[in-house]
Amino acid sequence: MGERKGQNKYYPPDFDWRKHSSLNAYQGVHALRERARKLDRGILIIRFEMPYNIWCNTCGNHIGMGVRYNAEKTKIGNYFTTPIFQFRMKCHLCDGHFEIKTDPKARDYVIVSGARREEQRWDAAENGQIVMESKEEMKKLATDAMFKLEYEGRDVSKKTSTEAPDINQLEMHQSAWKDDYIINYVLRKELRATKREERLQKEEDDRVRMKASIDIPLLPSSRQDERLAKLYRSEPVRNVEQTDRDRRANIDQQQVLRGTSSASSEINWAPSTFTSNKKQLSSAFGIVRNVDKTSSVPETTPKTTAATTKSLVSYADDDDDHDDEDSS
């Protein structure tokens, strides 16, 4: 079928291969169609695949390796005889553009503008990968026989030193797993012990769930759970009614103390006003006295005390005399 590609095309009657040379020249179009619309400026539109992860400087979004773009390919120079190409493309997440060019010397791609690279590079020699020789080494290998012999000997010694530990480790692994019966016996014994522990744990969990009337999976117990259980066990058991009564008594006590402190702060405790404030003091502490003024009260003779006490008693007697005059 491949030989029919050049025959299964329509050739118009006025087509002259000497004049037009091809159907594209006859139609006045390029073989690449829209991809070659900027070819007169040295720009070819290609599909470019992102060689590594980058961040767009315009929108700040992350663009992963392998994302493809329609890029404008331009030749900007040469490294010896190898051309250096630059690719310009538009970010698919914003209106920004970024440019990437080839670096034949380092065998890598370099971001020119519009983006920044996610650093994931490493040394190939330290990573155990193949390191390409420089041009000087390649030239010596082609012209200097002694250098080539030393180079090959160095490669052989390096190969032996790197492969010897791997071979020893493989032999130890094979010798450890050589006796299949013993290995199978040990594995089955460990499996039986594990299943027995799981069965006992499941029975214990079912017993706890049935006792607590719950239907949820239980986690394995820990030292912290045991410590908390001991603390809860040492705390006295109190029902809801007792807790409410204690809380209500505590609130009432706080209210009484608050009212007493405010009332006592408002009372003047000076000796001259002690008798006049006794009603206020009584009301502050909630003391109510029902005194029958018609009842006879035996008269008492005040005792002689110190000067301060005598003055207080005299004030009290004066007030009583005034009360008797008012009653009369």
Protein backbone atom coordinates (compact mmCIF):
# COMPACT_ATOMS: atom_id res chain seq x y z
CA MET A 1 0.00 0.00 0.00
CA GLY A 2 2.91 2.35 0.52
CA GLU A 3 3.70 2.56 -3.17
CA ARG A 4 0.23 3.93 -3.96
CA LYS A 5 0.64 7.12 -1.91
CA GLY A 6 2.07 9.02 -4.86
CA GLN A 7 -0.49 7.65 -7.30
CA ASN A 8 -3.80 7.99 -5.46
CA LYS A 9 -3.90 11.78 -5.88
CA TYR A 10 -5.83 13.94 -8.26
CA TYR A 11 -3.71 15.61 -10.90
CA PRO A 12 -5.56 18.32 -12.81
CA PRO A 13 -5.33 18.40 -16.63
CA ASP A 14 -3.19 21.55 -16.68
CA PHE A 15 -0.64 20.13 -14.23
CA ASP A 16 2.87 20.09 -15.67
CA TRP A 17 5.52 18.40 -13.58
CA ARG A 18 8.27 20.37 -15.32
CA LYS A 19 6.65 23.67 -14.33
CA HIS A 20 5.00 22.88 -10.99
CA SER A 21 7.18 19.97 -9.77
CA SER A 22 4.58 19.00 -7.11
CA LEU A 23 0.90 19.32 -6.26
CA ASN A 24 1.69 21.59 -3.30
CA ALA A 25 3.48 24.01 -5.63
CA TYR A 26 0.58 23.78 -8.05
CA GLN A 27 -1.93 24.61 -5.26
CA GLY A 28 0.37 27.29 -3.82
CA VAL A 29 0.48 25.78 -0.33
CA HIS A 30 3.21 24.29 1.87
CA ALA A 31 3.35 20.63 2.76
CA LEU A 32 3.07 21.50 6.47
CA ARG A 33 0.02 23.73 5.90
CA GLU A 34 -0.64 25.98 8.94
CA ARG A 35 2.52 24.90 10.71
CA ALA A 36 4.59 26.71 8.07
CA ARG A 37 2.66 30.00 8.04
CA LYS A 38 5.66 31.78 9.67
CA LEU A 39 8.33 29.94 7.76
CA ASP A 40 9.35 33.10 5.88
CA ARG A 41 10.57 34.47 9.26
CA GLY A 42 12.43 31.28 10.08
CA ILE A 43 9.75 30.05 12.50
CA LEU A 44 8.31 26.55 12.33
CA ILE A 45 5.38 25.56 14.55
CA ILE A 46 5.91 22.17 16.18
CA ARG A 47 4.55 20.11 19.08
CA PHE A 48 6.89 20.63 22.04
CA GLU A 49 6.82 18.36 25.10
CA MET A 50 7.89 19.85 28.42
CA PRO A 51 11.20 18.17 29.40
CA TYR A 52 10.85 18.82 33.17
CA ASN A 53 8.57 20.43 35.76
CA ILE A 54 8.36 24.22 35.72
CA TRP A 55 6.41 27.11 37.28
CA CYS A 56 4.96 29.84 35.11
CA ASN A 57 6.17 33.30 36.20
CA THR A 58 2.97 35.00 34.96
CA CYS A 59 0.32 32.98 36.81
CA GLY A 60 2.52 30.99 39.21
CA ASN A 61 0.91 27.66 38.32
CA HIS A 62 2.83 24.40 38.17
CA ILE A 63 3.30 22.74 34.78
CA GLY A 64 4.29 19.09 34.85
CA MET A 65 6.76 17.25 32.71
CA GLY A 66 5.23 15.83 29.53
CA VAL A 67 2.67 18.59 28.88
CA ARG A 68 2.63 19.42 25.17
CA TYR A 69 2.35 22.82 23.50
CA ASN A 70 2.28 24.31 20.02
CA ALA A 71 5.69 25.99 20.06
CA GLU A 72 7.47 28.29 17.63
CA LYS A 73 10.81 26.70 16.78
CA THR A 74 13.64 29.05 15.81
CA LYS A 75 17.32 28.44 15.16
CA ILE A 76 19.42 30.92 17.15
CA GLY A 77 22.97 29.58 16.77
CA ASN A 78 25.33 26.61 16.68
CA TYR A 79 27.47 24.69 19.15
CA PHE A 80 30.26 23.57 16.86
CA THR A 81 28.15 21.91 14.15
CA THR A 82 25.10 21.23 16.35
CA PRO A 83 22.31 23.80 15.89
CA ILE A 84 20.81 25.52 18.94
CA PHE A 85 17.03 25.86 18.79
CA GLN A 86 14.73 28.07 20.85
CA PHE A 87 11.06 27.30 21.50
CA ARG A 88 8.44 29.90 22.38
CA MET A 89 5.04 28.78 23.64
CA LYS A 90 1.98 30.15 25.44
CA CYS A 91 0.95 28.94 28.88
CA HIS A 92 -2.35 27.03 28.77
CA LEU A 93 -3.36 28.45 32.18
CA CYS A 94 -2.84 32.17 31.44
CA ASP A 95 -1.82 34.57 28.67
CA GLY A 96 1.89 34.46 29.51
CA HIS A 97 4.62 33.09 27.25
CA PHE A 98 7.86 31.34 28.12
CA GLU A 99 10.91 30.43 26.05
CA ILE A 100 13.17 27.38 26.30
CA LYS A 101 16.32 26.64 24.30
CA THR A 102 18.55 23.63 23.82
CA ASP A 103 21.99 23.32 25.41
CA PRO A 104 24.04 20.81 23.38
CA LYS A 105 27.09 21.23 25.62
CA ALA A 106 25.27 20.13 28.78
CA ARG A 107 22.78 17.93 26.87
CA ASP A 108 19.90 19.73 28.53
CA TYR A 109 17.21 22.38 28.05
CA VAL A 110 17.59 25.88 29.50
CA ILE A 111 14.72 28.25 30.36
CA VAL A 112 15.31 31.64 28.75
CA SER A 113 12.36 33.63 30.13
CA GLY A 114 8.81 33.39 31.44
CA ALA A 115 9.24 30.40 33.78
CA ARG A 116 11.48 28.82 36.39
CA ARG A 117 12.62 25.25 36.71
CA GLU A 118 11.85 22.81 39.51
CA GLU A 119 15.28 21.65 40.61
CA GLN A 120 15.47 17.87 40.42
CA ARG A 121 18.92 17.48 38.91
CA TRP A 122 21.63 15.20 40.25
CA ASP A 123 25.14 14.08 39.43
CA ALA A 124 25.07 11.15 37.03
CA ALA A 125 28.38 9.79 38.32
CA GLU A 126 27.19 9.74 41.95
CA ASN A 127 23.88 8.21 40.89
CA GLY A 128 25.59 5.33 39.11
CA GLN A 129 24.53 6.36 35.62
CA ILE A 130 26.53 6.44 32.44
CA VAL A 131 28.60 9.61 32.13
CA MET A 132 29.36 10.80 28.63
CA GLU A 133 33.01 11.42 27.84
CA SER A 134 34.21 14.85 26.92
CA LYS A 135 35.58 15.65 23.49
CA GLU A 136 39.15 15.58 24.79
CA GLU A 137 38.71 12.07 26.21
CA MET A 138 37.06 10.84 23.04
CA LYS A 139 39.93 12.26 20.99
CA LYS A 140 42.52 10.56 23.22
CA LEU A 141 40.66 7.25 23.02
CA ALA A 142 40.81 7.45 19.24
CA THR A 143 44.49 8.42 18.98
CA ASP A 144 46.31 7.27 22.15
CA ALA A 145 46.54 3.48 22.60
CA MET A 146 48.02 3.67 26.13
CA PHE A 147 45.25 5.98 27.32
CA LYS A 148 42.69 3.62 25.83
CA LEU A 149 44.25 0.64 27.67
CA GLU A 150 44.24 2.51 31.00
CA TYR A 151 40.68 3.65 30.38
CA GLU A 152 39.44 0.12 29.74
CA GLY A 153 41.32 -1.22 32.79
CA ARG A 154 39.76 1.47 34.98
CA ASP A 155 36.32 0.50 33.72
CA VAL A 156 36.90 -3.17 34.52
CA SER A 157 38.09 -2.44 38.08
CA LYS A 158 35.16 -0.09 38.66
CA LYS A 159 32.72 -2.71 37.43
CA THR A 160 34.22 -5.36 39.74
CA SER A 161 34.12 -3.07 42.79
CA THR A 162 30.50 -2.07 42.21
CA GLU A 163 29.14 -5.51 41.36
CA ALA A 164 30.93 -7.49 44.12
CA PRO A 165 28.70 -6.27 47.01
CA ASP A 166 25.57 -7.01 45.01
CA ILE A 167 26.72 -10.55 44.24
CA ASN A 168 27.61 -11.22 47.89
CA GLN A 169 24.25 -9.94 49.05
CA LEU A 170 22.47 -12.13 46.50
CA GLU A 171 24.39 -15.21 47.64
CA MET A 172 23.55 -14.52 51.29
CA HIS A 173 19.89 -14.11 50.41
CA GLN A 174 19.81 -17.36 48.47
CA SER A 175 21.57 -19.27 51.27
CA ALA A 176 19.12 -17.91 53.85
CA TRP A 177 16.11 -19.10 51.82
CA LYS A 178 17.65 -22.40 50.73
CA ASP A 179 15.87 -24.64 53.28
CA ASP A 180 12.24 -24.35 52.16
CA TYR A 181 10.80 -26.68 54.83
CA ILE A 182 12.19 -24.78 57.82
CA ILE A 183 11.16 -21.42 56.35
CA ASN A 184 7.63 -22.67 55.70
CA TYR A 185 7.43 -24.10 59.24
CA VAL A 186 8.50 -20.81 60.84
CA LEU A 187 6.09 -18.76 58.75
CA ARG A 188 3.11 -21.03 59.49
CA LYS A 189 3.94 -20.99 63.22
CA GLU A 190 3.98 -17.19 63.29
CA LEU A 191 0.74 -17.09 61.32
CA ARG A 192 -1.01 -19.45 63.78
CA ALA A 193 0.12 -17.33 66.74
CA THR A 194 -1.11 -14.17 65.04
CA LYS A 195 -4.50 -15.71 64.26
CA ARG A 196 -4.86 -16.92 67.86
CA GLU A 197 -4.18 -13.42 69.21
CA GLU A 198 -6.65 -11.90 66.76
CA ARG A 199 -9.35 -14.42 67.76
CA LEU A 200 -8.89 -13.73 71.48
CA GLN A 201 -8.94 -9.98 70.88
CA LYS A 202 -12.13 -10.31 68.84
CA GLU A 203 -13.84 -12.30 71.60
CA GLU A 204 -12.83 -9.68 74.18
CA ASP A 205 -14.11 -6.85 71.96
CA ASP A 206 -17.43 -8.65 71.41
CA ARG A 207 -17.84 -9.09 75.16
CA VAL A 208 -17.18 -5.39 75.81
CA ARG A 209 -19.55 -4.30 73.04
CA MET A 210 -22.32 -6.56 74.33
CA LYS A 211 -21.84 -5.28 77.89
CA ALA A 212 -21.89 -1.62 76.80
CA SER A 213 -24.63 -2.15 74.14
CA ILE A 214 -22.57 -0.56 71.38
CA ASP A 215 -21.92 -1.62 67.81
CA ILE A 216 -18.70 0.15 66.85
CA PRO A 217 -15.19 -1.21 66.18
CA LEU A 218 -12.84 -0.95 69.15
CA LEU A 219 -9.21 0.09 68.98
CA PRO A 220 -6.46 -1.85 70.78
CA SER A 221 -5.98 -0.85 74.41
CA SER A 222 -3.02 1.28 75.47
CA ARG A 223 -1.28 2.37 78.67
CA GLN A 224 -3.01 5.75 78.52
CA ASP A 225 -6.45 4.09 78.42
CA GLU A 226 -5.62 2.03 81.51
CA ARG A 227 -4.43 5.14 83.37
CA LEU A 228 -7.63 7.05 82.53
CA ALA A 229 -9.79 4.10 83.59
CA LYS A 230 -8.09 4.03 87.00
CA LEU A 231 -8.69 7.75 87.46
CA TYR A 232 -12.39 7.41 86.61
CA ARG A 233 -12.69 4.45 88.98
CA SER A 234 -11.26 6.47 91.91
CA GLU A 235 -13.73 9.34 91.41
CA PRO A 236 -16.93 9.02 93.57
CA VAL A 237 -20.10 8.12 91.72
CA ARG A 238 -22.74 10.86 91.83
CA ASN A 239 -26.16 10.81 90.28
CA VAL A 240 -27.75 13.64 88.32
CA GLU A 241 -30.01 14.87 91.12
CA GLN A 242 -27.14 15.19 93.60
CA THR A 243 -25.06 17.05 91.05
CA ASP A 244 -27.92 19.50 90.38
CA ARG A 245 -28.45 20.11 94.09
CA ASP A 246 -24.77 20.81 94.68
CA ARG A 247 -24.64 23.16 91.73
CA ARG A 248 -27.73 25.05 92.89
CA ALA A 249 -26.39 25.37 96.45
CA ASN A 250 -23.11 26.68 95.11
CA ILE A 251 -24.93 29.33 93.04
CA ASP A 252 -27.05 30.43 96.02
CA GLN A 253 -23.98 30.71 98.22
CA GLN A 254 -22.21 32.85 95.63
CA GLN A 255 -25.23 35.18 95.39
CA VAL A 256 -25.45 35.58 99.20
CA LEU A 257 -21.75 36.31 99.51
CA ARG A 258 -21.91 38.82 96.68
CA GLY A 259 -24.91 40.64 98.24
CA THR A 260 -23.32 40.67 101.69
CA SER A 261 -20.04 42.07 100.45
CA SER A 262 -21.78 44.85 98.51
CA ALA A 263 -24.07 45.76 101.37
CA SER A 264 -21.30 45.74 103.97
CA SER A 265 -19.21 47.99 101.77
CA GLU A 266 -22.04 50.56 101.64
CA ILE A 267 -22.53 50.73 105.47
CA ASN A 268 -20.72 53.43 107.41
CA TRP A 269 -19.03 51.80 110.40
CA ALA A 270 -18.14 55.04 112.21
CA PRO A 271 -19.04 55.03 115.95
CA SER A 272 -21.23 58.10 115.59
CA THR A 273 -23.50 56.44 113.03
CA PHE A 274 -23.47 52.87 114.32
CA THR A 275 -26.87 53.08 115.95
CA SER A 276 -28.53 54.86 113.02
CA ASN A 277 -27.31 52.18 110.59
CA LYS A 278 -28.40 49.13 112.55
CA LYS A 279 -31.58 48.76 110.47
CA GLN A 280 -29.54 48.84 107.27
CA LEU A 281 -27.15 46.27 108.72
CA SER A 282 -30.01 44.00 109.73
CA SER A 283 -31.60 44.15 106.29
CA ALA A 284 -28.25 43.40 104.64
CA PHE A 285 -27.88 40.15 106.61
CA GLY A 286 -31.56 39.28 106.22
CA ILE A 287 -32.42 39.71 109.93
CA VAL A 288 -36.00 40.82 110.66
CA ARG A 289 -37.06 41.54 114.25
CA ASN A 290 -40.69 41.90 115.23
CA VAL A 291 -40.62 43.95 118.43
CA ASP A 292 -43.83 44.68 120.32
CA LYS A 293 -43.47 48.25 121.59
CA THR A 294 -46.38 47.82 124.09
CA SER A 295 -44.62 45.01 125.93
CA SER A 296 -42.79 45.98 129.06
CA VAL A 297 -39.05 45.69 128.87
CA PRO A 298 -37.12 45.56 132.12
CA GLU A 299 -34.82 48.46 132.55
CA THR A 300 -31.16 47.70 132.79
CA THR A 301 -28.49 49.87 134.23
CA PRO A 302 -25.48 50.17 131.89
CA LYS A 303 -22.17 49.17 133.31
CA THR A 304 -19.28 51.54 133.50
CA THR A 305 -16.75 50.71 130.79
CA ALA A 306 -13.95 52.45 128.95
CA ALA A 307 -14.37 55.89 127.45
CA THR A 308 -15.14 54.67 123.95
CA THR A 309 -17.69 52.13 125.18
CA LYS A 310 -19.29 54.72 127.48
CA SER A 311 -19.77 57.13 124.62
CA LEU A 312 -21.45 54.42 122.55
CA VAL A 313 -23.80 53.52 125.41
CA SER A 314 -24.67 57.16 125.99
CA TYR A 315 -25.57 57.53 122.32
CA ALA A 316 -27.74 54.48 122.56
CA ASP A 317 -29.47 55.84 125.70
CA ASP A 318 -30.14 59.17 123.99
CA ASP A 319 -31.72 57.39 121.08
CA ASP A 320 -33.87 55.35 123.47
CA ASP A 321 -34.98 58.55 125.26
CA HIS A 322 -35.95 60.08 121.95
CA ASP A 323 -37.88 56.94 121.08
CA ASP A 324 -39.74 57.13 124.42
CA GLU A 325 -40.63 60.76 123.80
CA ASP A 326 -41.96 59.97 120.36
CA SER A 327 -44.04 57.11 121.71
CA SER A 328 -45.44 59.30 124.48
